[in-house]
C-alpha atoms as a PDB file:
ATOM      1  CA  UNK A   1       4.790  17.561 -30.716  1.00  0.00           C
ATOM      2  CA  UNK A   2       3.546  17.495 -27.224  1.00  0.00           C
ATOM      3  CA  UNK A   3       5.695  19.363 -24.673  1.00  0.00           C
ATOM      4  CA  UNK A   4       6.600  17.187 -21.503  1.00  0.00           C
ATOM      5  CA  UNK A   5       8.308  19.735 -19.719  1.00  0.00           C
ATOM      6  CA  UNK A   6       4.999  21.898 -19.249  1.00  0.00           C
ATOM      7  CA  UNK A   7       3.293  21.734 -16.173  1.00  0.00           C
ATOM      8  CA  UNK A   8      -0.350  21.468 -17.450  1.00  0.00           C
ATOM      9  CA  UNK A   9       1.104  18.222 -19.487  1.00  0.00           C
ATOM     10  CA  UNK A  10      -1.073  15.186 -18.437  1.00  0.00           C
ATOM     11  CA  UNK A  11       1.754  13.004 -19.198  1.00  0.00           C
ATOM     12  CA  UNK A  12       4.807  13.004 -16.666  1.00  0.00           C
ATOM     13  CA  UNK A  13       8.112  14.561 -17.603  1.00  0.00           C
ATOM     14  CA  UNK A  14      11.106  12.110 -17.844  1.00  0.00           C
ATOM     15  CA  UNK A  15      12.378  13.512 -14.593  1.00  0.00           C
ATOM     16  CA  UNK A  16       9.091  12.291 -13.006  1.00  0.00           C
ATOM     17  CA  UNK A  17       9.053   9.403 -14.249  1.00  0.00           C
ATOM     18  CA  UNK A  18      12.626   8.806 -13.005  1.00  0.00           C
ATOM     19  CA  UNK A  19      11.579  10.142  -9.504  1.00  0.00           C
ATOM     20  CA  UNK A  20       8.519   7.649  -9.250  1.00  0.00           C
ATOM     21  CA  UNK A  21      10.805   4.579 -10.187  1.00  0.00           C
ATOM     22  CA  UNK A  22      13.453   5.300  -7.664  1.00  0.00           C
ATOM     23  CA  UNK A  23      11.320   6.307  -5.091  1.00  0.00           C
ATOM     24  CA  UNK A  24      11.990   4.094  -2.412  1.00  0.00           C
ATOM     25  CA  UNK A  25       9.128   3.272   0.333  1.00  0.00           C
ATOM     26  CA  UNK A  26      11.514   4.875   3.178  1.00  0.00           C
ATOM     27  CA  UNK A  27      11.554   8.019   1.323  1.00  0.00           C
ATOM     28  CA  UNK A  28       8.358   8.284   0.686  1.00  0.00           C
ATOM     29  CA  UNK A  29       7.180   7.574   4.144  1.00  0.00           C
ATOM     30  CA  UNK A  30       9.963  10.060   5.369  1.00  0.00           C
ATOM     31  CA  UNK A  31       9.002  12.784   3.091  1.00  0.00           C
ATOM     32  CA  UNK A  32       5.273  12.653   3.794  1.00  0.00           C
ATOM     33  CA  UNK A  33       6.680  12.474   7.554  1.00  0.00           C
ATOM     34  CA  UNK A  34       8.282  15.853   7.239  1.00  0.00           C
ATOM     35  CA  UNK A  35       5.936  17.808   5.201  1.00  0.00           C
ATOM     36  CA  UNK A  36       3.358  17.273   8.126  1.00  0.00           C
ATOM     37  CA  UNK A  37       6.121  18.207  10.638  1.00  0.00           C
ATOM     38  CA  UNK A  38       7.077  21.549   8.833  1.00  0.00           C
ATOM     39  CA  UNK A  39       3.273  21.927   8.414  1.00  0.00           C
ATOM     40  CA  UNK A  40       1.887  21.134  11.845  1.00  0.00           C
ATOM     41  CA  UNK A  41       4.880  20.958  14.513  1.00  0.00           C
ATOM     42  CA  UNK A  42       7.272  18.869  15.623  1.00  0.00           C
ATOM     43  CA  UNK A  43       4.878  16.001  16.587  1.00  0.00           C
ATOM     44  CA  UNK A  44       2.986  14.189  13.807  1.00  0.00           C
ATOM     45  CA  UNK A  45       0.095  12.102  13.933  1.00  0.00           C
ATOM     46  CA  UNK A  46       0.846   8.785  12.203  1.00  0.00           C
ATOM     47  CA  UNK A  47      -2.477   8.116  10.556  1.00  0.00           C
ATOM     48  CA  UNK A  48      -1.871  11.217   8.494  1.00  0.00           C
ATOM     49  CA  UNK A  49       1.483  10.125   7.331  1.00  0.00           C
ATOM     50  CA  UNK A  50      -0.183   6.541   6.353  1.00  0.00           C
ATOM     51  CA  UNK A  51      -2.649   7.832   4.655  1.00  0.00           C
ATOM     52  CA  UNK A  52       0.037  10.270   2.690  1.00  0.00           C
ATOM     53  CA  UNK A  53       1.275   6.967   1.153  1.00  0.00           C
ATOM     54  CA  UNK A  54      -1.511   4.983   0.578  1.00  0.00           C
ATOM     55  CA  UNK A  55      -1.722   4.391  -2.409  1.00  0.00           C
ATOM     56  CA  UNK A  56       0.726   3.668  -3.538  1.00  0.00           C
ATOM     57  CA  UNK A  57       1.927   1.691  -0.595  1.00  0.00           C
ATOM     58  CA  UNK A  58      -0.432  -0.402   1.490  1.00  0.00           C
ATOM     59  CA  UNK A  59      -0.861   0.580   5.106  1.00  0.00           C
ATOM     60  CA  UNK A  60       1.179  -2.859   6.058  1.00  0.00           C
ATOM     61  CA  UNK A  61       4.260  -1.394   3.821  1.00  0.00           C
ATOM     62  CA  UNK A  62       3.659   1.969   5.370  1.00  0.00           C
ATOM     63  CA  UNK A  63       3.641   0.627   9.038  1.00  0.00           C
ATOM     64  CA  UNK A  64       6.606  -1.513   8.248  1.00  0.00           C
ATOM     65  CA  UNK A  65       8.608   1.508   6.843  1.00  0.00           C
ATOM     66  CA  UNK A  66       7.348   3.523   9.975  1.00  0.00           C
ATOM     67  CA  UNK A  67       8.841   0.776  12.604  1.00  0.00           C
ATOM     68  CA  UNK A  68      12.322   0.673  10.656  1.00  0.00           C
ATOM     69  CA  UNK A  69      12.527   4.285  10.745  1.00  0.00           C
ATOM     70  CA  UNK A  70      11.701   3.843  14.659  1.00  0.00           C
ATOM     71  CA  UNK A  71      14.214   0.964  15.008  1.00  0.00           C
ATOM     72  CA  UNK A  72      16.891   3.115  13.003  1.00  0.00           C
ATOM     73  CA  UNK A  73      16.469   6.059  15.612  1.00  0.00           C
ATOM     74  CA  UNK A  74      15.497   8.550  12.596  1.00  0.00           C
ATOM     75  CA  UNK A  75      11.753   8.993  14.412  1.00  0.00           C
ATOM     76  CA  UNK A  76      10.151   8.199  17.911  1.00  0.00           C
ATOM     77  CA  UNK A  77       6.674   6.402  17.525  1.00  0.00           C
ATOM     78  CA  UNK A  78       4.767   7.139  20.507  1.00  0.00           C
ATOM     79  CA  UNK A  79       1.544   5.773  22.269  1.00  0.00           C
ATOM     80  CA  UNK A  80      -2.089   7.164  21.872  1.00  0.00           C
ATOM     81  CA  UNK A  81      -3.514   7.995  24.947  1.00  0.00           C
ATOM     82  CA  UNK A  82      -7.020   8.478  24.453  1.00  0.00           C
ATOM     83  CA  UNK A  83      -8.925   6.117  22.033  1.00  0.00           C
ATOM     84  CA  UNK A  84     -12.021   7.200  22.288  1.00  0.00           C
ATOM     85  CA  UNK A  85     -11.164  10.408  20.169  1.00  0.00           C
ATOM     86  CA  UNK A  86     -10.141   8.676  17.137  1.00  0.00           C
ATOM     87  CA  UNK A  87     -12.023   7.862  14.303  1.00  0.00           C
ATOM     88  CA  UNK A  88     -12.548   4.335  12.807  1.00  0.00           C
ATOM     89  CA  UNK A  89     -10.412   4.926   9.772  1.00  0.00           C
ATOM     90  CA  UNK A  90      -7.574   6.582  12.342  1.00  0.00           C
ATOM     91  CA  UNK A  91      -7.611   3.254  13.957  1.00  0.00           C
ATOM     92  CA  UNK A  92      -7.038   1.446  11.144  1.00  0.00           C
ATOM     93  CA  UNK A  93      -4.182   3.765   9.770  1.00  0.00           C
ATOM     94  CA  UNK A  94      -2.091   3.685  13.193  1.00  0.00           C
ATOM     95  CA  UNK A  95       0.031   1.200  13.500  1.00  0.00           C
ATOM     96  CA  UNK A  96       0.250  -0.953  16.529  1.00  0.00           C
ATOM     97  CA  UNK A  97       3.081  -2.717  18.824  1.00  0.00           C
ATOM     98  CA  UNK A  98       3.237  -4.675  21.850  1.00  0.00           C
ATOM     99  CA  UNK A  99      -0.859  -3.827  22.344  1.00  0.00           C
ATOM    100  CA  UNK A 100      -0.439  -0.305  21.937  1.00  0.00           C
ATOM    101  CA  UNK A 101      -1.858   1.945  19.570  1.00  0.00           C
ATOM    102  CA  UNK A 102       0.907   4.352  17.924  1.00  0.00           C
ATOM    103  CA  UNK A 103      -0.737   7.730  16.748  1.00  0.00           C
ATOM    104  CA  UNK A 104       2.221  10.008  16.943  1.00  0.00           C
ATOM    105  CA  UNK A 105       5.626  10.528  15.905  1.00  0.00           C
ATOM    106  CA  UNK A 106       8.734  13.146  16.495  1.00  0.00           C
ATOM    107  CA  UNK A 107      12.351  12.796  14.970  1.00  0.00           C
ATOM    108  CA  UNK A 108      14.527  11.907  17.184  1.00  0.00           C
END
């Protein structure tokens, strides 16, 4: 009989399955943000947040969640000041608003 609670098991535990089903896009993006914040400091590089949740989310879904978190006052999205320093991948992962590329975020 397979032990589903053993760490080396290739099958998820019941708890992991329940978390995956109930893990909202908002929670997934916020958790990625907090994880980066804890490791790198209060100013978080937004393309790293997006990269951390794609997949299972799409880039567009991640951007939509970031905008909602900003609008609700949880985080503040901040514009990029030097486009030349960003890679093509980072440019694709960073959201845009009103013609500005938003590459950094911090908690409010």
